[in-house]
Amino acid sequence: MFGCVVAGRLVQTDALQVANDKFVFNLPDYENVNHVVVFMLGTVPFPVGMGGAVYFSFPDQVGGQVWQLLGFITNDKPSAIFKIASLKAGEGGKHPFGMMAAPQAVSVAQVGVSIEPLDQLSQQTPVSSATVSSVDSFTQFTQKMLDNLYNFTLSFAVTQSQMTSNPSEVFIPASSILKWYENFQRRMAHNPHFWKA
């Protein structure tokens, strides 16, 4: 019913069924995994009114398991990408797996799918750092470029008393760079494609 993908690895469709409504994928060498995709295979839909809560579990330092809610998949949203790189520390929360999913070796994590009623899923709060940014890569690049330009130009900032006279050099007030930076950010937030006009 489910599949799991880690970049650079083969697709996993070998979920271990640990209960009638619970499935687990093993993720060996999880320390080198940044994102995981969980999806429905398309062969068997969820029963009406049901969906799948997706959990991530990794071994803690005392040999137990830390489970964290990543998010959900449903018949209307049959796949999701989750960022797990930042989840490799911290505490877990309430989860439906208990000890059904046996603890794994130190370098093996697990992704679990628990079939639950949709109204129950909507009341649960996933770990916020597991959500993949919905901002497109162009917008991310532009934001990083703005930050880089601003920081780069400020690294050359000098006060008027520190300036040396050089007739061939043009000086731009740092306030004008800051004003441009803030204006560009505002316009990007309003319309990421404003620069095409």
N, C-alpha and C. Protein backbone atom coordinates (compact mmCIF):
# COMPACT_ATOMS: atom_id res chain seq x y z
N MET A 1 0.82 -1.20 0.00
CA MET A 1 0.00 0.00 0.00
C MET A 1 0.86 1.26 0.00
N PHE A 2 2.08 1.21 0.61
CA PHE A 2 2.93 2.38 0.76
C PHE A 2 4.31 2.16 0.16
N GLY A 3 4.95 3.28 -0.16
CA GLY A 3 6.33 3.26 -0.61
C GLY A 3 7.09 4.35 0.12
N CYS A 4 8.41 4.23 0.09
CA CYS A 4 9.28 5.18 0.77
C CYS A 4 10.51 5.39 -0.10
N VAL A 5 10.93 6.65 -0.27
CA VAL A 5 12.10 6.97 -1.08
C VAL A 5 13.03 7.88 -0.31
N VAL A 6 14.32 7.53 -0.36
CA VAL A 6 15.39 8.39 0.13
C VAL A 6 16.25 8.68 -1.09
N ALA A 7 16.62 9.94 -1.31
CA ALA A 7 17.41 10.30 -2.48
C ALA A 7 18.68 9.44 -2.56
N GLY A 8 18.96 8.95 -3.75
CA GLY A 8 20.15 8.14 -3.96
C GLY A 8 19.99 6.67 -3.60
N ARG A 9 18.81 6.28 -3.20
CA ARG A 9 18.55 4.89 -2.82
C ARG A 9 17.39 4.34 -3.63
N LEU A 10 17.27 3.02 -3.66
CA LEU A 10 16.15 2.38 -4.34
C LEU A 10 14.85 2.65 -3.59
N VAL A 11 13.75 2.64 -4.30
CA VAL A 11 12.43 2.79 -3.69
C VAL A 11 12.17 1.60 -2.79
N GLN A 12 11.63 1.86 -1.61
CA GLN A 12 11.27 0.79 -0.69
C GLN A 12 9.76 0.58 -0.74
N THR A 13 9.35 -0.63 -1.00
CA THR A 13 7.93 -0.98 -0.95
C THR A 13 7.71 -2.16 -0.01
N ASP A 14 8.73 -2.43 0.80
CA ASP A 14 8.72 -3.60 1.68
C ASP A 14 8.36 -3.24 3.12
N ALA A 15 7.31 -2.44 3.29
CA ALA A 15 6.91 -2.03 4.64
C ALA A 15 6.56 -3.27 5.47
N LEU A 16 7.04 -3.28 6.69
CA LEU A 16 6.72 -4.36 7.62
C LEU A 16 5.41 -4.00 8.31
N GLN A 17 4.41 -4.87 8.19
CA GLN A 17 3.12 -4.61 8.84
C GLN A 17 3.22 -5.09 10.28
N VAL A 18 3.18 -4.14 11.23
CA VAL A 18 3.33 -4.48 12.64
C VAL A 18 1.99 -4.59 13.36
N ALA A 19 0.91 -4.17 12.71
CA ALA A 19 -0.46 -4.31 13.21
C ALA A 19 -1.37 -4.16 12.00
N ASN A 20 -2.66 -4.40 12.17
CA ASN A 20 -3.59 -4.29 11.04
C ASN A 20 -3.53 -2.92 10.37
N ASP A 21 -3.26 -1.89 11.15
CA ASP A 21 -3.31 -0.53 10.63
C ASP A 21 -1.98 0.22 10.78
N LYS A 22 -0.87 -0.52 10.93
CA LYS A 22 0.42 0.12 11.14
C LYS A 22 1.51 -0.57 10.33
N PHE A 23 2.31 0.28 9.65
CA PHE A 23 3.37 -0.20 8.77
C PHE A 23 4.66 0.53 9.08
N VAL A 24 5.79 -0.15 8.93
CA VAL A 24 7.09 0.44 9.25
C VAL A 24 8.09 0.14 8.15
N PHE A 25 8.87 1.18 7.76
CA PHE A 25 10.00 1.02 6.86
C PHE A 25 11.27 1.21 7.67
N ASN A 26 12.27 0.38 7.44
CA ASN A 26 13.58 0.57 8.08
C ASN A 26 14.43 1.47 7.20
N LEU A 27 15.14 2.42 7.81
CA LEU A 27 16.04 3.32 7.10
C LEU A 27 17.46 3.14 7.63
N PRO A 28 18.22 2.23 7.00
CA PRO A 28 19.60 2.06 7.45
C PRO A 28 20.42 3.31 7.15
N ASP A 29 21.46 3.51 7.94
CA ASP A 29 22.39 4.63 7.75
C ASP A 29 21.62 5.95 7.71
N TYR A 30 20.68 6.11 8.64
CA TYR A 30 19.79 7.28 8.63
C TYR A 30 20.53 8.59 8.89
N GLU A 31 21.73 8.52 9.48
CA GLU A 31 22.48 9.75 9.75
C GLU A 31 22.80 10.52 8.47
N ASN A 32 22.80 9.82 7.33
CA ASN A 32 23.11 10.46 6.05
C ASN A 32 21.87 10.76 5.23
N VAL A 33 20.71 10.75 5.85
CA VAL A 33 19.45 11.01 5.15
C VAL A 33 18.94 12.40 5.55
N ASN A 34 18.65 13.23 4.56
CA ASN A 34 18.11 14.56 4.84
C ASN A 34 16.59 14.61 4.68
N HIS A 35 16.08 14.00 3.60
CA HIS A 35 14.66 14.02 3.31
C HIS A 35 14.17 12.61 3.01
N VAL A 36 12.92 12.38 3.29
CA VAL A 36 12.29 11.10 2.96
C VAL A 36 10.93 11.40 2.33
N VAL A 37 10.59 10.62 1.31
CA VAL A 37 9.29 10.75 0.65
C VAL A 37 8.47 9.51 1.01
N VAL A 38 7.27 9.71 1.47
CA VAL A 38 6.35 8.61 1.76
C VAL A 38 5.16 8.78 0.83
N PHE A 39 4.76 7.68 0.18
CA PHE A 39 3.68 7.79 -0.80
C PHE A 39 2.85 6.52 -0.83
N MET A 40 1.64 6.66 -1.38
CA MET A 40 0.76 5.51 -1.60
C MET A 40 1.11 4.93 -2.96
N LEU A 41 1.10 3.62 -3.05
CA LEU A 41 1.45 2.96 -4.30
C LEU A 41 0.36 3.12 -5.36
N GLY A 42 -0.85 3.44 -4.96
CA GLY A 42 -1.93 3.62 -5.91
C GLY A 42 -2.72 2.35 -6.17
N THR A 43 -2.32 1.27 -5.53
CA THR A 43 -3.03 0.01 -5.73
C THR A 43 -4.17 -0.18 -4.75
N VAL A 44 -4.01 0.35 -3.53
CA VAL A 44 -5.04 0.22 -2.50
C VAL A 44 -5.25 1.58 -1.86
N PRO A 45 -6.43 2.18 -1.98
CA PRO A 45 -6.68 3.48 -1.33
C PRO A 45 -6.96 3.30 0.15
N PHE A 46 -6.90 4.40 0.89
CA PHE A 46 -7.33 4.37 2.28
C PHE A 46 -8.83 4.13 2.31
N PRO A 47 -9.33 3.46 3.34
CA PRO A 47 -10.79 3.36 3.50
C PRO A 47 -11.38 4.77 3.63
N VAL A 48 -12.64 4.93 3.26
CA VAL A 48 -13.31 6.23 3.33
C VAL A 48 -13.18 6.80 4.75
N GLY A 49 -12.80 8.07 4.84
CA GLY A 49 -12.67 8.74 6.13
C GLY A 49 -11.38 8.44 6.86
N MET A 50 -10.42 7.78 6.20
CA MET A 50 -9.17 7.42 6.85
C MET A 50 -7.98 8.02 6.10
N GLY A 51 -6.86 8.14 6.78
CA GLY A 51 -5.61 8.61 6.20
C GLY A 51 -4.45 8.00 6.96
N GLY A 52 -3.25 8.40 6.63
CA GLY A 52 -2.07 7.83 7.28
C GLY A 52 -1.23 8.88 7.96
N ALA A 53 -1.04 8.74 9.27
CA ALA A 53 -0.11 9.59 10.01
C ALA A 53 1.29 9.02 9.79
N VAL A 54 2.23 9.87 9.41
CA VAL A 54 3.60 9.42 9.12
C VAL A 54 4.50 9.84 10.28
N TYR A 55 5.20 8.85 10.84
CA TYR A 55 6.09 9.08 11.98
C TYR A 55 7.52 8.72 11.60
N PHE A 56 8.46 9.34 12.30
CA PHE A 56 9.88 9.03 12.14
C PHE A 56 10.41 8.61 13.50
N SER A 57 11.17 7.52 13.53
CA SER A 57 11.74 7.02 14.77
C SER A 57 13.22 6.77 14.58
N PHE A 58 14.00 7.19 15.56
CA PHE A 58 15.42 6.88 15.55
C PHE A 58 15.84 6.44 16.94
N PRO A 59 16.89 5.64 17.02
CA PRO A 59 17.32 5.15 18.33
C PRO A 59 17.85 6.28 19.20
N ASP A 60 17.47 6.25 20.48
CA ASP A 60 18.04 7.25 21.39
C ASP A 60 19.30 6.68 22.03
N GLN A 61 19.93 7.46 22.88
CA GLN A 61 21.23 7.07 23.43
C GLN A 61 21.15 5.92 24.42
N VAL A 62 19.98 5.62 24.93
CA VAL A 62 19.86 4.52 25.90
C VAL A 62 19.24 3.27 25.27
N GLY A 63 19.15 3.24 23.96
CA GLY A 63 18.66 2.04 23.29
C GLY A 63 17.17 2.01 23.03
N GLY A 64 16.45 3.05 23.44
CA GLY A 64 15.02 3.12 23.16
C GLY A 64 14.78 3.75 21.80
N GLN A 65 13.56 4.24 21.60
CA GLN A 65 13.21 4.88 20.35
C GLN A 65 12.57 6.23 20.59
N VAL A 66 12.90 7.18 19.74
CA VAL A 66 12.27 8.49 19.76
C VAL A 66 11.37 8.55 18.53
N TRP A 67 10.06 8.74 18.72
CA TRP A 67 9.11 8.82 17.61
C TRP A 67 8.63 10.26 17.49
N GLN A 68 8.60 10.77 16.27
CA GLN A 68 8.11 12.12 16.04
C GLN A 68 7.16 12.12 14.85
N LEU A 69 6.05 12.83 14.98
CA LEU A 69 5.06 12.93 13.91
C LEU A 69 5.57 13.86 12.82
N LEU A 70 5.66 13.35 11.58
CA LEU A 70 6.11 14.15 10.45
C LEU A 70 4.96 14.86 9.75
N GLY A 71 3.87 14.15 9.56
CA GLY A 71 2.73 14.71 8.83
C GLY A 71 1.80 13.61 8.40
N PHE A 72 1.12 13.81 7.26
CA PHE A 72 0.05 12.90 6.86
C PHE A 72 0.05 12.65 5.37
N ILE A 73 -0.51 11.54 4.98
CA ILE A 73 -0.86 11.28 3.59
C ILE A 73 -2.31 10.82 3.58
N THR A 74 -3.02 11.13 2.50
CA THR A 74 -4.42 10.76 2.38
C THR A 74 -4.70 10.39 0.92
N ASN A 75 -5.90 9.95 0.64
CA ASN A 75 -6.27 9.68 -0.75
C ASN A 75 -6.18 10.94 -1.61
N ASP A 76 -6.47 12.10 -1.01
CA ASP A 76 -6.40 13.37 -1.73
C ASP A 76 -4.97 13.90 -1.82
N LYS A 77 -4.11 13.50 -0.91
CA LYS A 77 -2.70 13.91 -0.89
C LYS A 77 -1.87 12.64 -0.69
N PRO A 78 -1.67 11.86 -1.78
CA PRO A 78 -1.09 10.53 -1.64
C PRO A 78 0.43 10.48 -1.47
N SER A 79 1.09 11.62 -1.41
CA SER A 79 2.54 11.60 -1.17
C SER A 79 2.95 12.86 -0.43
N ALA A 80 4.08 12.77 0.26
CA ALA A 80 4.59 13.93 1.00
C ALA A 80 6.10 13.78 1.18
N ILE A 81 6.78 14.92 1.18
CA ILE A 81 8.22 14.96 1.41
C ILE A 81 8.44 15.52 2.81
N PHE A 82 9.30 14.86 3.58
CA PHE A 82 9.57 15.30 4.94
C PHE A 82 11.07 15.49 5.15
N LYS A 83 11.42 16.54 5.86
CA LYS A 83 12.81 16.81 6.19
C LYS A 83 13.10 16.16 7.54
N ILE A 84 14.00 15.19 7.56
CA ILE A 84 14.29 14.50 8.82
C ILE A 84 15.67 14.84 9.37
N ALA A 85 16.48 15.57 8.61
CA ALA A 85 17.84 15.88 9.05
C ALA A 85 17.86 16.57 10.40
N SER A 86 16.92 17.46 10.65
CA SER A 86 16.92 18.21 11.91
C SER A 86 16.20 17.48 13.04
N LEU A 87 15.68 16.28 12.77
CA LEU A 87 14.92 15.54 13.79
C LEU A 87 15.78 14.54 14.54
N LYS A 88 17.07 14.55 14.29
CA LYS A 88 17.93 13.53 14.88
C LYS A 88 18.34 13.86 16.31
N ALA A 89 17.62 14.75 16.91
CA ALA A 89 17.85 15.08 18.31
C ALA A 89 16.52 15.54 18.88
N GLY A 90 16.43 15.57 20.16
CA GLY A 90 15.20 16.05 20.78
C GLY A 90 14.37 14.91 21.31
N GLU A 91 13.20 15.25 21.76
CA GLU A 91 12.34 14.26 22.37
C GLU A 91 11.16 13.94 21.46
N GLY A 92 10.71 12.73 21.58
CA GLY A 92 9.54 12.32 20.81
C GLY A 92 8.27 12.65 21.56
N GLY A 93 7.18 12.34 20.92
CA GLY A 93 5.89 12.60 21.53
C GLY A 93 5.05 11.34 21.52
N LYS A 94 3.78 11.52 21.76
CA LYS A 94 2.84 10.41 21.76
C LYS A 94 2.76 9.83 20.35
N HIS A 95 2.77 8.51 20.27
CA HIS A 95 2.71 7.85 18.97
C HIS A 95 1.96 6.53 19.11
N PRO A 96 1.45 5.99 18.01
CA PRO A 96 0.63 4.79 18.09
C PRO A 96 1.40 3.49 17.98
N PHE A 97 2.72 3.52 17.88
CA PHE A 97 3.46 2.29 17.60
C PHE A 97 3.88 1.52 18.84
N GLY A 98 4.05 2.18 19.97
CA GLY A 98 4.46 1.49 21.18
C GLY A 98 5.70 0.68 20.92
N MET A 99 5.74 -0.53 21.39
CA MET A 99 6.89 -1.40 21.16
C MET A 99 6.62 -2.39 20.03
N MET A 100 5.55 -2.16 19.25
CA MET A 100 5.26 -3.06 18.12
C MET A 100 6.39 -3.03 17.11
N ALA A 101 6.97 -1.86 16.91
CA ALA A 101 8.09 -1.74 15.99
C ALA A 101 9.34 -1.93 16.83
N ALA A 102 9.98 -3.05 16.65
CA ALA A 102 11.12 -3.42 17.49
C ALA A 102 12.28 -2.43 17.33
N PRO A 103 12.97 -2.10 18.42
CA PRO A 103 14.13 -1.22 18.32
C PRO A 103 15.15 -1.81 17.34
N GLN A 104 15.80 -0.93 16.62
CA GLN A 104 16.74 -1.34 15.59
C GLN A 104 18.17 -1.07 16.02
N ALA A 105 19.09 -1.44 15.16
CA ALA A 105 20.50 -1.15 15.41
C ALA A 105 20.68 0.37 15.49
N VAL A 106 21.80 0.79 16.05
CA VAL A 106 22.05 2.21 16.29
C VAL A 106 21.97 3.05 15.03
N SER A 107 22.34 2.52 13.87
CA SER A 107 22.33 3.33 12.65
C SER A 107 21.08 3.12 11.80
N VAL A 108 20.05 2.49 12.36
CA VAL A 108 18.82 2.24 11.61
C VAL A 108 17.67 3.01 12.26
N ALA A 109 17.00 3.81 11.45
CA ALA A 109 15.81 4.53 11.89
C ALA A 109 14.59 3.86 11.26
N GLN A 110 13.41 4.34 11.59
CA GLN A 110 12.19 3.78 11.02
C GLN A 110 11.23 4.90 10.64
N VAL A 111 10.49 4.68 9.57
CA VAL A 111 9.39 5.54 9.18
C VAL A 111 8.14 4.69 9.34
N GLY A 112 7.19 5.18 10.12
CA GLY A 112 5.97 4.43 10.36
C GLY A 112 4.76 5.14 9.78
N VAL A 113 3.82 4.37 9.27
CA VAL A 113 2.54 4.91 8.79
C VAL A 113 1.44 4.25 9.61
N SER A 114 0.64 5.08 10.28
CA SER A 114 -0.45 4.60 11.09
C SER A 114 -1.77 5.05 10.46
N ILE A 115 -2.62 4.10 10.10
CA ILE A 115 -3.91 4.44 9.49
C ILE A 115 -4.87 4.88 10.59
N GLU A 116 -5.36 6.12 10.44
CA GLU A 116 -6.19 6.73 11.48
C GLU A 116 -7.32 7.52 10.83
N PRO A 117 -8.40 7.81 11.58
CA PRO A 117 -9.50 8.62 11.04
C PRO A 117 -9.00 10.02 10.67
N LEU A 118 -9.51 10.56 9.56
CA LEU A 118 -9.10 11.89 9.09
C LEU A 118 -9.34 12.98 10.14
N ASP A 119 -10.47 12.90 10.88
CA ASP A 119 -10.73 13.93 11.88
C ASP A 119 -9.72 13.87 13.02
N GLN A 120 -9.21 12.69 13.31
CA GLN A 120 -8.16 12.55 14.33
C GLN A 120 -6.83 13.09 13.80
N LEU A 121 -6.54 12.83 12.52
CA LEU A 121 -5.31 13.33 11.92
C LEU A 121 -5.26 14.85 11.92
N SER A 122 -6.41 15.48 11.66
CA SER A 122 -6.44 16.94 11.57
C SER A 122 -6.20 17.61 12.92
N GLN A 123 -6.33 16.87 14.00
CA GLN A 123 -6.13 17.44 15.33
C GLN A 123 -4.69 17.27 15.84
N GLN A 124 -3.87 16.52 15.11
CA GLN A 124 -2.49 16.29 15.53
C GLN A 124 -1.57 17.34 14.93
N THR A 125 -0.51 17.67 15.64
CA THR A 125 0.45 18.67 15.18
C THR A 125 1.79 18.03 14.88
N PRO A 126 2.18 18.03 13.60
CA PRO A 126 3.49 17.47 13.24
C PRO A 126 4.63 18.34 13.77
N VAL A 127 5.81 17.75 13.85
CA VAL A 127 7.01 18.49 14.21
C VAL A 127 7.23 19.54 13.13
N SER A 128 7.35 20.81 13.53
CA SER A 128 7.41 21.89 12.54
C SER A 128 8.64 21.81 11.65
N SER A 129 9.76 21.33 12.16
CA SER A 129 10.98 21.30 11.35
C SER A 129 10.96 20.19 10.30
N ALA A 130 9.94 19.33 10.31
CA ALA A 130 9.86 18.26 9.31
C ALA A 130 9.22 18.71 8.01
N THR A 131 8.55 19.85 8.06
CA THR A 131 7.86 20.34 6.88
C THR A 131 8.86 20.91 5.88
N VAL A 132 8.78 20.44 4.66
CA VAL A 132 9.65 20.96 3.61
C VAL A 132 9.12 22.32 3.19
N SER A 133 10.01 23.26 3.01
CA SER A 133 9.62 24.62 2.66
C SER A 133 8.77 24.64 1.40
N SER A 134 7.70 25.42 1.43
CA SER A 134 6.86 25.55 0.24
C SER A 134 7.35 26.69 -0.66
N VAL A 135 8.41 27.38 -0.23
CA VAL A 135 8.98 28.45 -1.04
C VAL A 135 9.80 27.81 -2.16
N ASP A 136 9.57 28.26 -3.39
CA ASP A 136 10.29 27.65 -4.50
C ASP A 136 11.77 27.98 -4.46
N SER A 137 12.57 27.22 -5.20
CA SER A 137 14.02 27.37 -5.14
C SER A 137 14.48 28.72 -5.66
N PHE A 138 13.76 29.32 -6.62
CA PHE A 138 14.14 30.63 -7.12
C PHE A 138 14.02 31.68 -6.01
N THR A 139 12.92 31.61 -5.27
CA THR A 139 12.72 32.56 -4.18
C THR A 139 13.78 32.37 -3.10
N GLN A 140 14.10 31.12 -2.80
CA GLN A 140 15.15 30.85 -1.82
C GLN A 140 16.48 31.40 -2.30
N PHE A 141 16.80 31.16 -3.57
CA PHE A 141 18.05 31.67 -4.14
C PHE A 141 18.10 33.19 -4.05
N THR A 142 17.01 33.84 -4.42
CA THR A 142 16.97 35.29 -4.41
C THR A 142 17.18 35.83 -2.99
N GLN A 143 16.55 35.20 -2.02
CA GLN A 143 16.72 35.64 -0.63
C GLN A 143 18.17 35.48 -0.19
N LYS A 144 18.78 34.35 -0.52
CA LYS A 144 20.19 34.13 -0.16
C LYS A 144 21.09 35.13 -0.87
N MET A 145 20.78 35.43 -2.14
CA MET A 145 21.58 36.39 -2.90
C MET A 145 21.49 37.78 -2.26
N LEU A 146 20.28 38.19 -1.87
CA LEU A 146 20.11 39.48 -1.20
C LEU A 146 20.91 39.55 0.09
N ASP A 147 20.81 38.50 0.88
CA ASP A 147 21.56 38.46 2.14
C ASP A 147 23.06 38.55 1.88
N ASN A 148 23.52 37.80 0.88
CA ASN A 148 24.94 37.78 0.56
C ASN A 148 25.43 39.16 0.10
N LEU A 149 24.69 39.79 -0.81
CA LEU A 149 25.08 41.11 -1.30
C LEU A 149 25.12 42.13 -0.15
N TYR A 150 24.09 42.13 0.67
CA TYR A 150 24.04 43.08 1.78
C TYR A 150 25.21 42.86 2.73
N ASN A 151 25.45 41.61 3.12
CA ASN A 151 26.56 41.32 4.04
C ASN A 151 27.91 41.64 3.42
N PHE A 152 28.06 41.33 2.12
CA PHE A 152 29.31 41.62 1.42
C PHE A 152 29.59 43.11 1.39
N THR A 153 28.60 43.90 1.00
CA THR A 153 28.83 45.35 0.91
C THR A 153 29.10 45.94 2.29
N LEU A 154 28.43 45.46 3.32
CA LEU A 154 28.67 45.99 4.66
C LEU A 154 30.05 45.63 5.19
N SER A 155 30.65 44.58 4.66
CA SER A 155 31.99 44.22 5.13
C SER A 155 33.02 45.27 4.72
N PHE A 156 32.68 46.14 3.77
CA PHE A 156 33.58 47.21 3.33
C PHE A 156 33.20 48.56 3.94
N ALA A 157 32.23 48.59 4.80
CA ALA A 157 31.73 49.84 5.35
C ALA A 157 32.80 50.54 6.20
N VAL A 158 32.90 51.84 6.01
CA VAL A 158 33.78 52.67 6.81
C VAL A 158 33.02 53.94 7.18
N THR A 159 33.41 54.55 8.26
CA THR A 159 32.79 55.82 8.63
C THR A 159 33.44 56.93 7.81
N GLN A 160 32.83 58.13 7.82
CA GLN A 160 33.40 59.25 7.06
C GLN A 160 34.79 59.60 7.56
N SER A 161 35.01 59.47 8.85
CA SER A 161 36.33 59.81 9.39
C SER A 161 37.40 58.80 8.96
N GLN A 162 36.98 57.58 8.60
CA GLN A 162 37.93 56.56 8.16
C GLN A 162 38.21 56.62 6.66
N MET A 163 37.44 57.38 5.91
CA MET A 163 37.61 57.45 4.46
C MET A 163 38.91 58.17 4.11
N THR A 164 39.56 57.67 3.10
CA THR A 164 40.73 58.35 2.57
C THR A 164 40.35 58.93 1.22
N SER A 165 40.88 60.07 0.95
CA SER A 165 40.54 60.76 -0.29
C SER A 165 41.08 59.97 -1.49
N ASN A 166 40.18 59.64 -2.42
CA ASN A 166 40.57 58.94 -3.64
C ASN A 166 39.61 59.41 -4.74
N PRO A 167 40.07 60.28 -5.63
CA PRO A 167 39.18 60.86 -6.65
C PRO A 167 38.58 59.83 -7.60
N SER A 168 39.19 58.67 -7.78
CA SER A 168 38.64 57.67 -8.72
C SER A 168 37.66 56.71 -8.05
N GLU A 169 37.50 56.79 -6.74
CA GLU A 169 36.63 55.87 -6.01
C GLU A 169 35.27 56.51 -5.77
N VAL A 170 34.18 55.75 -5.98
CA VAL A 170 32.83 56.22 -5.71
C VAL A 170 32.34 55.51 -4.45
N PHE A 171 31.80 56.26 -3.52
CA PHE A 171 31.29 55.68 -2.28
C PHE A 171 29.77 55.72 -2.30
N ILE A 172 29.16 54.64 -1.86
CA ILE A 172 27.71 54.54 -1.80
C ILE A 172 27.32 54.43 -0.34
N PRO A 173 26.40 55.25 0.14
CA PRO A 173 26.00 55.16 1.55
C PRO A 173 25.37 53.79 1.85
N ALA A 174 25.74 53.20 2.96
CA ALA A 174 25.19 51.90 3.36
C ALA A 174 23.67 51.98 3.49
N SER A 175 23.15 53.13 3.85
CA SER A 175 21.70 53.27 4.00
C SER A 175 20.97 53.06 2.66
N SER A 176 21.61 53.42 1.54
CA SER A 176 20.96 53.21 0.24
C SER A 176 20.92 51.72 -0.10
N ILE A 177 21.95 50.96 0.27
CA ILE A 177 21.94 49.50 0.05
C ILE A 177 20.86 48.87 0.91
N LEU A 178 20.76 49.31 2.16
CA LEU A 178 19.73 48.78 3.07
C LEU A 178 18.34 49.10 2.53
N LYS A 179 18.15 50.31 2.04
CA LYS A 179 16.84 50.69 1.50
C LYS A 179 16.48 49.83 0.30
N TRP A 180 17.44 49.59 -0.61
CA TRP A 180 17.22 48.72 -1.77
C TRP A 180 16.90 47.30 -1.32
N TYR A 181 17.67 46.79 -0.37
CA TYR A 181 17.49 45.44 0.17
C TYR A 181 16.08 45.25 0.72
N GLU A 182 15.65 46.18 1.55
CA GLU A 182 14.31 46.06 2.15
C GLU A 182 13.21 46.19 1.09
N ASN A 183 13.40 47.07 0.12
CA ASN A 183 12.43 47.25 -0.95
C ASN A 183 12.32 45.98 -1.80
N PHE A 184 13.46 45.40 -2.14
CA PHE A 184 13.47 44.18 -2.95
C PHE A 184 12.78 43.04 -2.21
N GLN A 185 13.08 42.90 -0.92
CA GLN A 185 12.44 41.85 -0.12
C GLN A 185 10.93 42.03 -0.09
N ARG A 186 10.48 43.25 0.10
CA ARG A 186 9.04 43.53 0.15
C ARG A 186 8.39 43.16 -1.18
N ARG A 187 9.02 43.55 -2.29
CA ARG A 187 8.45 43.25 -3.60
C ARG A 187 8.45 41.75 -3.88
N MET A 188 9.51 41.04 -3.45
CA MET A 188 9.55 39.59 -3.63
C MET A 188 8.44 38.90 -2.84
N ALA A 189 8.19 39.37 -1.63
CA ALA A 189 7.14 38.78 -0.80
C ALA A 189 5.77 38.99 -1.44
N HIS A 190 5.59 40.14 -2.06
CA HIS A 190 4.30 40.45 -2.69
C HIS A 190 4.12 39.69 -4.01
N ASN A 191 5.18 39.63 -4.83
CA ASN A 191 5.11 38.96 -6.12
C ASN A 191 6.50 38.49 -6.51
N PRO A 192 6.81 37.20 -6.35
CA PRO A 192 8.15 36.69 -6.64
C PRO A 192 8.58 36.87 -8.10
N HIS A 193 7.66 37.20 -8.98
CA HIS A 193 7.99 37.34 -10.40
C HIS A 193 7.94 38.79 -10.86
N PHE A 194 7.98 39.75 -9.92
CA PHE A 194 7.88 41.16 -10.30
C PHE A 194 9.01 41.59 -11.23
N TRP A 195 10.16 40.97 -11.10
CA TRP A 195 11.34 41.36 -11.88
C TRP A 195 11.18 41.03 -13.36
N LYS A 196 10.20 40.21 -13.73
CA LYS A 196 10.00 39.85 -15.15
C LYS A 196 9.31 40.97 -15.93
N ALA A 197 8.66 41.88 -15.22
CA ALA A 197 7.89 42.93 -15.89
C ALA A 197 8.78 43.94 -16.57
